[in-house]
Protein backbone atom coordinates (compact mmCIF):
# COMPACT_ATOMS: atom_id res chain seq x y z
CA UNK A 1 31.16 20.58 -19.63
CA UNK A 2 28.39 21.04 -17.41
CA UNK A 3 26.09 18.01 -15.93
CA UNK A 4 23.41 19.12 -18.49
CA UNK A 5 25.34 18.91 -21.45
CA UNK A 6 27.47 16.04 -19.95
CA UNK A 7 23.51 14.01 -19.16
CA UNK A 8 22.54 15.19 -23.10
CA UNK A 9 25.45 13.35 -24.46
CA UNK A 10 25.09 10.54 -22.44
CA UNK A 11 21.47 10.17 -23.47
CA UNK A 12 22.40 10.46 -27.22
CA UNK A 13 25.12 7.79 -26.82
CA UNK A 14 23.22 5.12 -25.02
CA UNK A 15 20.28 5.73 -28.41
CA UNK A 16 22.79 5.13 -30.47
CA UNK A 17 24.71 2.32 -28.94
CA UNK A 18 22.17 -0.65 -29.41
CA UNK A 19 25.17 -3.08 -29.53
CA UNK A 20 28.93 -3.51 -28.24
CA UNK A 21 29.33 -2.50 -32.04
CA UNK A 22 28.07 0.66 -32.37
CA UNK A 23 29.04 1.76 -28.80
CA UNK A 24 32.62 1.16 -30.39
CA UNK A 25 31.92 3.06 -33.47
CA UNK A 26 30.94 5.72 -31.77
CA UNK A 27 33.41 5.97 -29.34
CA UNK A 28 36.12 5.90 -31.93
CA UNK A 29 34.06 8.70 -33.64
CA UNK A 30 34.68 11.03 -30.91
CA UNK A 31 38.33 10.29 -30.07
CA UNK A 32 39.24 10.71 -33.87
CA UNK A 33 37.09 14.23 -33.30
CA UNK A 34 39.09 15.08 -30.33
CA UNK A 35 42.57 14.37 -32.13
CA UNK A 36 43.23 10.66 -31.46
CA UNK A 37 44.90 8.82 -33.96
CA UNK A 38 43.45 5.00 -34.99
CA UNK A 39 46.32 2.33 -34.63
CA UNK A 40 45.85 -0.53 -36.28
CA UNK A 41 46.94 -3.93 -34.55
CA UNK A 42 48.29 -6.05 -37.66
CA UNK A 43 50.49 -3.01 -38.18
CA UNK A 44 53.82 -1.42 -36.78
CA UNK A 45 53.75 0.90 -34.24
CA UNK A 46 55.57 4.27 -34.28
CA UNK A 47 54.19 5.78 -31.24
CA UNK A 48 55.24 9.72 -30.36
CA UNK A 49 55.36 11.43 -27.22
CA UNK A 50 52.61 14.03 -26.83
CA UNK A 51 50.27 12.12 -29.24
CA UNK A 52 46.98 10.19 -28.76
CA UNK A 53 45.69 7.31 -30.13
CA UNK A 54 43.40 4.50 -30.01
CA UNK A 55 43.03 0.81 -31.27
CA UNK A 56 39.89 -1.35 -31.11
CA UNK A 57 39.70 -5.39 -31.41
CA UNK A 58 36.41 -7.33 -32.98
CA UNK A 59 34.76 -3.99 -33.70
CA UNK A 60 33.66 -4.60 -30.36
CA UNK A 61 36.34 -3.36 -27.58
CA UNK A 62 38.57 -0.43 -28.00
CA UNK A 63 41.85 0.67 -26.15
CA UNK A 64 42.22 4.52 -26.05
CA UNK A 65 45.27 6.61 -24.32
CA UNK A 66 47.36 9.65 -24.45
CA UNK A 67 51.25 9.33 -24.66
CA UNK A 68 53.35 11.91 -22.07
CA UNK A 69 56.55 11.56 -21.29
CA UNK A 70 55.26 10.61 -17.76
CA UNK A 71 54.03 6.86 -17.21
CA UNK A 72 52.07 6.71 -14.29
CA UNK A 73 48.92 5.94 -15.76
CA UNK A 74 45.57 6.53 -14.38
CA UNK A 75 43.47 3.65 -16.50
CA UNK A 76 39.72 3.23 -16.77
CA UNK A 77 38.65 0.05 -17.40
CA UNK A 78 34.85 -0.68 -18.32
CA UNK A 79 33.20 -2.99 -20.64
CA UNK A 80 30.61 -2.57 -23.87
CA UNK A 81 28.88 -5.71 -24.01
CA UNK A 82 24.93 -5.58 -21.68
CA UNK A 83 22.81 -8.67 -21.64
CA UNK A 84 20.43 -8.99 -24.16
CA UNK A 85 18.74 -11.28 -26.85
CA UNK A 86 20.58 -13.02 -29.93
CA UNK A 87 19.51 -14.25 -32.77
CA UNK A 88 20.16 -18.07 -33.64
CA UNK A 89 22.31 -18.91 -36.85
CA UNK A 90 19.07 -19.91 -38.39
CA UNK A 91 16.82 -17.71 -36.65
CA UNK A 92 12.99 -18.30 -38.84
CA UNK A 93 10.42 -19.73 -37.23
CA UNK A 94 7.04 -20.12 -39.11
CA UNK A 95 4.37 -21.33 -37.18
CA UNK A 96 0.84 -20.86 -35.78
CA UNK A 97 -0.15 -18.19 -38.41
CA UNK A 98 3.14 -16.03 -37.36
CA UNK A 99 6.76 -15.42 -38.22
CA UNK A 100 9.28 -15.62 -34.89
CA UNK A 101 13.11 -14.95 -34.69
CA UNK A 102 14.74 -17.54 -32.69
CA UNK A 103 16.54 -16.30 -29.73
CA UNK A 104 19.27 -17.37 -27.55
CA UNK A 105 19.91 -14.80 -24.07
CA UNK A 106 23.31 -13.34 -23.86
CA UNK A 107 24.49 -13.00 -20.38
CA UNK A 108 22.31 -12.79 -16.93
CA UNK A 109 19.56 -10.88 -18.04
CA UNK A 110 16.37 -10.35 -16.16
CA UNK A 111 13.82 -11.83 -18.73
CA UNK A 112 10.42 -11.07 -17.74
CA UNK A 113 10.95 -6.63 -18.85
CA UNK A 114 11.42 -7.85 -22.09
CA UNK A 115 7.84 -8.78 -22.79
CA UNK A 116 5.32 -6.19 -24.42
CA UNK A 117 8.07 -4.34 -25.62
CA UNK A 118 9.01 -2.34 -28.99
CA UNK A 119 12.31 -4.38 -30.36
CA UNK A 120 14.53 -3.36 -33.35
CA UNK A 121 17.49 -5.42 -34.14
CA UNK A 122 20.87 -4.54 -34.96
CA UNK A 123 24.50 -5.94 -35.19
CA UNK A 124 27.45 -6.91 -37.18
CA UNK A 125 27.15 -8.75 -41.09
CA UNK A 126 30.18 -10.66 -42.79
CA UNK A 127 29.29 -11.06 -46.49
CA UNK A 128 30.85 -11.60 -49.76
CA UNK A 129 31.52 -9.13 -52.44
CA UNK A 130 31.69 -8.51 -55.91
CA UNK A 131 35.45 -8.74 -55.43
CA UNK A 132 35.00 -12.12 -53.97
CA UNK A 133 36.51 -10.30 -50.51
CA UNK A 134 35.10 -11.16 -47.31
CA UNK A 135 33.86 -7.47 -45.58
CA UNK A 136 31.82 -6.78 -42.94
CA UNK A 137 29.60 -3.97 -42.18
CA UNK A 138 27.57 -3.14 -38.76
CA UNK A 139 23.43 -2.68 -39.30
CA UNK A 140 20.35 -1.13 -37.06
CA UNK A 141 17.14 -1.49 -38.53
CA UNK A 142 15.68 1.08 -36.09
CA UNK A 143 12.25 0.48 -36.54
CA UNK A 144 10.12 -1.41 -34.01
CA UNK A 145 9.96 -4.95 -35.97
CA UNK A 146 9.16 -7.42 -32.99
CA UNK A 147 7.68 -7.98 -29.78
CA UNK A 148 7.41 -10.79 -27.47
CA UNK A 149 3.80 -10.80 -26.56
CA UNK A 150 2.87 -12.15 -22.85
CA UNK A 151 0.69 -15.05 -22.39
CA UNK A 152 -2.74 -13.25 -20.90
CA UNK A 153 -3.72 -13.94 -17.46
CA UNK A 154 -7.03 -15.37 -18.55
CA UNK A 155 -4.81 -18.52 -19.73
CA UNK A 156 -2.32 -18.17 -16.48
CA UNK A 157 -4.35 -17.83 -13.33
CA UNK A 158 -1.02 -18.37 -11.59
CA UNK A 159 0.83 -16.13 -13.77
CA UNK A 160 1.38 -13.27 -10.63
CA UNK A 161 2.24 -15.79 -8.18
CA UNK A 162 4.31 -18.87 -9.86
CA UNK A 163 5.09 -18.30 -13.67
CA UNK A 164 8.57 -18.95 -14.92
CA UNK A 165 9.90 -18.03 -18.00
CA UNK A 166 11.36 -21.02 -20.53
CA UNK A 167 14.53 -19.40 -22.39
CA UNK A 168 13.62 -21.60 -25.29
CA UNK A 169 10.21 -21.54 -25.79
CA UNK A 170 8.42 -18.57 -24.23
CA UNK A 171 11.01 -15.91 -25.25
CA UNK A 172 10.61 -16.16 -29.15
CA UNK A 173 9.85 -12.58 -30.85
CA UNK A 174 7.10 -12.12 -33.18
CA UNK A 175 7.25 -10.30 -36.25
CA UNK A 176 4.87 -10.81 -38.77
CA UNK A 177 2.03 -12.67 -40.12
CA UNK A 178 3.35 -12.75 -43.82
CA UNK A 179 4.45 -16.65 -44.31
CA UNK A 180 6.37 -15.30 -47.27
CA UNK A 181 9.17 -13.49 -45.32
CA UNK A 182 12.65 -14.23 -46.33
CA UNK A 183 15.61 -13.40 -43.27
CA UNK A 184 18.19 -13.74 -46.22
CA UNK A 185 16.61 -10.63 -48.34
CA UNK A 186 15.43 -8.47 -45.29
CA UNK A 187 19.21 -8.32 -44.71
CA UNK A 188 20.48 -7.57 -48.00
CA UNK A 189 17.69 -4.58 -47.96
CA UNK A 190 19.44 -3.29 -44.56
CA UNK A 191 22.46 -3.84 -46.54
CA UNK A 192 21.43 -1.11 -49.53
CA UNK A 193 20.17 1.20 -46.96
CA UNK A 194 23.70 1.49 -45.86
CA UNK A 195 24.60 1.85 -49.85
CA UNK A 196 26.00 -1.64 -50.33
CA UNK A 197 24.76 -3.44 -53.24
CA UNK A 198 27.68 -5.68 -54.22
CA UNK A 199 26.71 -8.72 -52.16
CA UNK A 200 27.42 -12.18 -53.54
CA UNK A 201 26.72 -14.05 -50.43
CA UNK A 202 25.80 -13.41 -46.88
CA UNK A 203 27.84 -15.19 -44.83
CA UNK A 204 27.97 -14.92 -40.53
CA UNK A 205 26.32 -12.51 -38.32
CA UNK A 206 26.16 -11.30 -34.85
CA UNK A 207 22.36 -9.72 -34.47
CA UNK A 208 20.80 -8.47 -31.08
CA UNK A 209 17.58 -7.34 -30.32
CA UNK A 210 16.68 -4.09 -28.13
CA UNK A 211 13.85 -2.20 -26.86
CA UNK A 212 13.70 1.31 -29.00
CA UNK A 213 12.30 3.29 -26.13
CA UNK A 214 14.51 6.51 -26.13
CA UNK A 215 16.84 6.67 -23.19
CA UNK A 216 15.39 9.69 -21.05
CA UNK A 217 14.92 11.68 -18.22
CA UNK A 218 12.58 10.50 -15.43
CA UNK A 219 11.73 11.76 -11.75
CA UNK A 220 9.66 15.29 -10.85
CA UNK A 221 13.14 17.02 -11.35
CA UNK A 222 14.45 14.69 -13.53
CA UNK A 223 16.23 12.97 -11.18
CA UNK A 224 16.81 10.19 -12.69
CA UNK A 225 17.83 8.64 -16.19
CA UNK A 226 16.55 5.41 -17.27
CA UNK A 227 18.01 3.53 -20.59
CA UNK A 228 18.79 0.06 -21.40
CA UNK A 229 22.55 -0.84 -21.59
CA UNK A 230 23.12 1.85 -18.61
CA UNK A 231 25.43 -1.35 -17.58
CA UNK A 232 27.89 -0.76 -18.72
CA UNK A 233 27.58 2.23 -20.99
CA UNK A 234 27.40 4.57 -18.82
CA UNK A 235 30.81 3.93 -17.57
CA UNK A 236 32.09 3.79 -21.31
CA UNK A 237 30.73 6.96 -21.57
CA UNK A 238 32.35 8.76 -18.32
CA UNK A 239 36.17 6.96 -19.23
CA UNK A 240 35.34 8.78 -22.65
CA UNK A 241 34.25 11.74 -21.61
CA UNK A 242 37.13 12.73 -19.37
CA UNK A 243 40.08 10.88 -21.12
CA UNK A 244 38.90 13.56 -24.24
CA UNK A 245 38.61 16.36 -21.47
CA UNK A 246 42.16 15.94 -20.60
CA UNK A 247 45.51 17.64 -22.04
CA UNK A 248 47.92 14.93 -23.90
CA UNK A 249 50.20 15.82 -21.18
CA UNK A 250 48.15 13.62 -18.77
CA UNK A 251 48.75 10.33 -18.50
CA UNK A 252 45.40 8.60 -18.43
CA UNK A 253 43.91 4.98 -20.66
CA UNK A 254 40.48 3.83 -21.08
CA UNK A 255 40.03 0.26 -21.98
CA UNK A 256 36.19 -0.77 -23.09
CA UNK A 257 36.26 -4.54 -23.38
CA UNK A 258 33.60 -6.73 -24.96
CA UNK A 259 31.75 -10.17 -23.01
CA UNK A 260 32.66 -9.20 -19.62
CA UNK A 261 28.39 -9.78 -19.05
CA UNK A 262 29.48 -14.12 -20.19
CA UNK A 263 33.09 -13.52 -18.42
CA UNK A 264 35.59 -11.91 -20.42
CA UNK A 265 37.00 -15.15 -21.75
CA UNK A 266 37.31 -14.27 -25.73
CA UNK A 267 39.78 -12.57 -27.35
CA UNK A 268 38.23 -8.78 -27.05
CA UNK A 269 37.25 -9.46 -23.51
CA UNK A 270 39.25 -8.54 -20.44
CA UNK A 271 40.97 -11.83 -20.08
CA UNK A 272 42.15 -11.77 -23.23
CA UNK A 273 45.26 -10.13 -24.41
CA UNK A 274 44.13 -7.01 -25.69
CA UNK A 275 45.37 -4.53 -23.14
CA UNK A 276 48.78 -6.59 -22.40
CA UNK A 277 49.34 -6.63 -26.24
CA UNK A 278 48.80 -2.62 -26.42
CA UNK A 279 50.78 -1.97 -23.07
CA UNK A 280 54.14 -3.86 -23.90
CA UNK A 281 53.86 -2.00 -27.58
CA UNK A 282 53.56 1.42 -25.47
CA UNK A 283 56.56 -0.01 -23.40
CA UNK A 284 58.92 -2.29 -25.66
CA UNK A 285 61.50 -1.93 -22.93
CA UNK A 286 60.56 -4.46 -19.99
CA UNK A 287 61.99 -2.24 -17.36
CA UNK A 288 60.10 0.89 -18.63
CA UNK A 289 57.25 -1.31 -18.79
CA UNK A 290 57.03 -2.49 -15.31
CA UNK A 291 57.59 1.05 -13.92
CA UNK A 292 54.77 1.90 -15.51
CA UNK A 293 52.86 -0.78 -14.58
CA UNK A 294 53.69 -0.50 -10.68
CA UNK A 295 52.92 3.67 -10.79
CA UNK A 296 49.76 3.54 -12.52
CA UNK A 297 46.34 2.23 -11.33
CA UNK A 298 43.34 0.35 -12.83
CA UNK A 299 39.79 1.50 -12.09
CA UNK A 300 37.59 -1.13 -12.92
CA UNK A 301 34.15 0.65 -13.19
CA UNK A 302 30.66 -0.98 -13.55
CA UNK A 303 27.35 -0.44 -12.26
CA UNK A 304 26.79 -1.11 -8.43
CA UNK A 305 23.59 -2.06 -6.90
CA UNK A 306 21.69 1.01 -5.31
CA UNK A 307 19.49 -0.03 -2.39
CA UNK A 308 16.32 -0.66 -3.64
CA UNK A 309 13.67 0.94 -2.04
CA UNK A 310 11.04 -1.59 -1.90
CA UNK A 311 13.65 -4.83 -0.96
CA UNK A 312 15.73 -2.87 1.38
CA UNK A 313 16.72 -6.29 2.82
CA UNK A 314 18.65 -7.17 -0.02
CA UNK A 315 21.93 -4.96 1.14
CA UNK A 316 23.88 -4.76 4.22
CA UNK A 317 22.82 -2.40 6.59
CA UNK A 318 25.85 -0.15 7.04
CA UNK A 319 26.96 -0.51 3.07
CA UNK A 320 23.76 0.38 1.27
CA UNK A 321 24.17 2.96 -1.47
CA UNK A 322 21.79 5.23 -2.66
CA UNK A 323 21.26 6.81 -6.02
CA UNK A 324 22.45 10.52 -6.75
CA UNK A 325 24.62 10.04 -3.59
CA UNK A 326 28.15 9.88 -5.28
CA UNK A 327 30.35 6.94 -6.96
CA UNK A 328 30.26 3.56 -5.27
CA UNK A 329 33.77 1.71 -3.81
CA UNK A 330 33.00 -1.95 -4.07
CA UNK A 331 34.60 -4.37 -1.36
CA UNK A 332 35.16 -8.29 -1.42
CA UNK A 333 36.82 -9.67 1.25
CA UNK A 334 37.14 -12.66 -1.08
CA UNK A 335 38.46 -10.62 -3.96
CA UNK A 336 35.67 -11.16 -6.25
CA UNK A 337 36.12 -7.14 -6.42
CA UNK A 338 39.83 -5.94 -6.84
CA UNK A 339 39.49 -2.92 -4.18
CA UNK A 340 42.30 -3.17 -1.43
CA UNK A 341 43.59 -0.30 0.87
CA UNK A 342 46.08 1.26 -1.05
CA UNK A 343 43.77 1.95 -4.13
CA UNK A 344 40.70 2.93 -2.35
CA UNK A 345 42.73 5.24 -0.10
CA UNK A 346 44.02 7.00 -3.36
CA UNK A 347 40.19 7.40 -4.87
CA UNK A 348 38.94 8.86 -1.61
CA UNK A 349 41.77 11.25 -1.55
CA UNK A 350 41.32 12.57 -4.81
CA UNK A 351 37.29 12.50 -4.70
CA UNK A 352 37.62 14.32 -1.68
CA UNK A 353 40.10 17.01 -3.32
CA UNK A 354 37.44 17.36 -6.10
CA UNK A 355 34.71 17.92 -3.61
CA UNK A 356 32.75 14.69 -4.83
CA UNK A 357 30.74 12.05 -2.26
CA UNK A 358 31.30 8.69 -2.25
CA UNK A 359 30.12 5.36 -0.99
CA UNK A 360 30.93 1.59 -0.17
CA UNK A 361 29.25 -1.21 -1.06
CA UNK A 362 29.87 -4.58 0.32
CA UNK A 363 27.07 -7.14 -0.51
CA UNK A 364 25.52 -9.40 2.66
CA UNK A 365 27.57 -11.77 3.59
CA UNK A 366 24.97 -14.49 3.24
CA UNK A 367 24.62 -13.68 -0.67
CA UNK A 368 26.43 -14.30 -3.67
CA UNK A 369 28.82 -11.31 -4.77
CA UNK A 370 29.54 -10.77 -9.18
CA UNK A 371 32.61 -9.60 -10.03
CA UNK A 372 33.86 -7.61 -12.57
CA UNK A 373 36.78 -7.18 -14.88
CA UNK A 374 39.21 -5.78 -11.86
CA UNK A 375 40.19 -8.89 -10.41
CA UNK A 376 41.13 -10.44 -13.94
CA UNK A 377 43.00 -7.27 -14.74
CA UNK A 378 44.71 -7.17 -11.76
CA UNK A 379 45.70 -10.64 -11.97
CA UNK A 380 46.81 -10.86 -15.70
CA UNK A 381 48.95 -7.41 -15.13
CA UNK A 382 50.05 -7.06 -11.65
CA UNK A 383 48.56 -3.56 -11.61
CA UNK A 384 47.06 -2.05 -8.46
CA UNK A 385 43.19 -2.15 -8.96
CA UNK A 386 40.06 -0.39 -7.61
CA UNK A 387 36.45 -1.35 -7.97
CA UNK A 388 33.92 1.01 -8.27
CA UNK A 389 30.17 1.46 -9.80
CA UNK A 390 27.80 4.09 -10.32
CA UNK A 391 24.43 3.09 -8.54
CA UNK A 392 21.57 1.22 -10.76
CA UNK A 393 18.10 -0.13 -10.48
CA UNK A 394 17.22 -3.02 -12.15
CA UNK A 395 20.46 -4.02 -13.03
CA UNK A 396 20.33 -6.52 -16.20
CA UNK A 397 16.67 -5.50 -17.05
CA UNK A 398 15.69 -4.49 -20.22
CA UNK A 399 15.27 -0.55 -18.87
CA UNK A 400 17.89 0.08 -15.93
CA UNK A 401 17.57 3.26 -13.83
CA UNK A 402 20.83 5.35 -12.96
CA UNK A 403 20.71 8.80 -11.11
CA UNK A 404 21.23 11.87 -13.39
CA UNK A 405 23.96 13.04 -10.53
CA UNK A 406 26.48 10.32 -10.25
CA UNK A 407 27.99 10.10 -13.57
CA UNK A 408 28.95 13.28 -13.91
CA UNK A 409 30.23 13.66 -10.00
CA UNK A 410 32.35 10.54 -11.45
CA UNK A 411 33.63 12.42 -14.19
CA UNK A 412 34.72 15.14 -12.21
CA UNK A 413 36.66 12.99 -9.94
CA UNK A 414 38.35 11.58 -12.86
CA UNK A 415 39.61 14.46 -14.54
CA UNK A 416 40.99 15.69 -10.69
CA UNK A 417 43.14 12.57 -10.78
CA UNK A 418 46.49 14.25 -11.43
CA UNK A 419 45.83 17.34 -9.73
């Protein structure tokens, strides 16, 4: 696969995956098309040597793996969730001549970029059907149905110097001036568009707002890729395409977990049991399991902060990653990243053999350091772990920016892992 085809697929994947549910669904479809067989957690597994499998949990986390004779896996860990605005359970507010949605921030999102954006809505809905069965389905409105208008500068002279954003009162999107709007009727209409017409009662839902602006190239020579949810669907896509590109005799595993942006503490998050449960079912013999753990390596792939050209003093001068200069190796003395001498050296060796560049990142010693699924996975499994990322601007904005070269470069490194 060349870089142009790789990036075109990336743009399509980003646009088609407005929520972790949709991202997981799209990955599952791509895996099935590549010959991976679906496993169900609630059923007995009969995995066969030479086959390829995938399994999901909560419709928002996914594990896929080859099952060769060799068990020294290269595992890639990433996450399906991104900061966004989620609808509250009773979301409709009617006041001051408009209909609004009550929302709550998910994760550490930058709030200001959400103003004045065309917004749609997507997520998962559960309902009772005509046979009194609880069913779940995904919806994606796609159309721009809401917007959060800024307060005019005439009404706030300090808008460019002192304005703050109140999460309760300032970020409610408006969607109509029609006071007759009924949210349940709206959701039923979305279900009918999905050919679901036997809805006796609507139950719970997990719905998020997202910007309808498409992922795209930006730059004089298409230097950049701009999109929502680059953190961390960028890594999900790299891992997915890499896994689909290797032969079944190459031991490779992808885990894409939900809820990283809020701490990973859930049944489908990296701190949960999903990966450990899967690995022990792959290797029920304890000695074989431990051999696999101690001969394998986990690469935790999340985005990395590229040095911002307008805020260069936010970076350590000797550890300032650049866009389009290669994958970033993340290091932290306090183990906020799980990289160590052994895991770093292995990655450097493979990257050099592949002829691909890499960079190193250490946050300023006087600034806080975010964490990833890397330390969580290393702690839970005892597996050798490396934290890497693709350099990005505007992380956690509604529109992030990455390089057009870096994801493809990481893809080539991962393909060369066993060579």
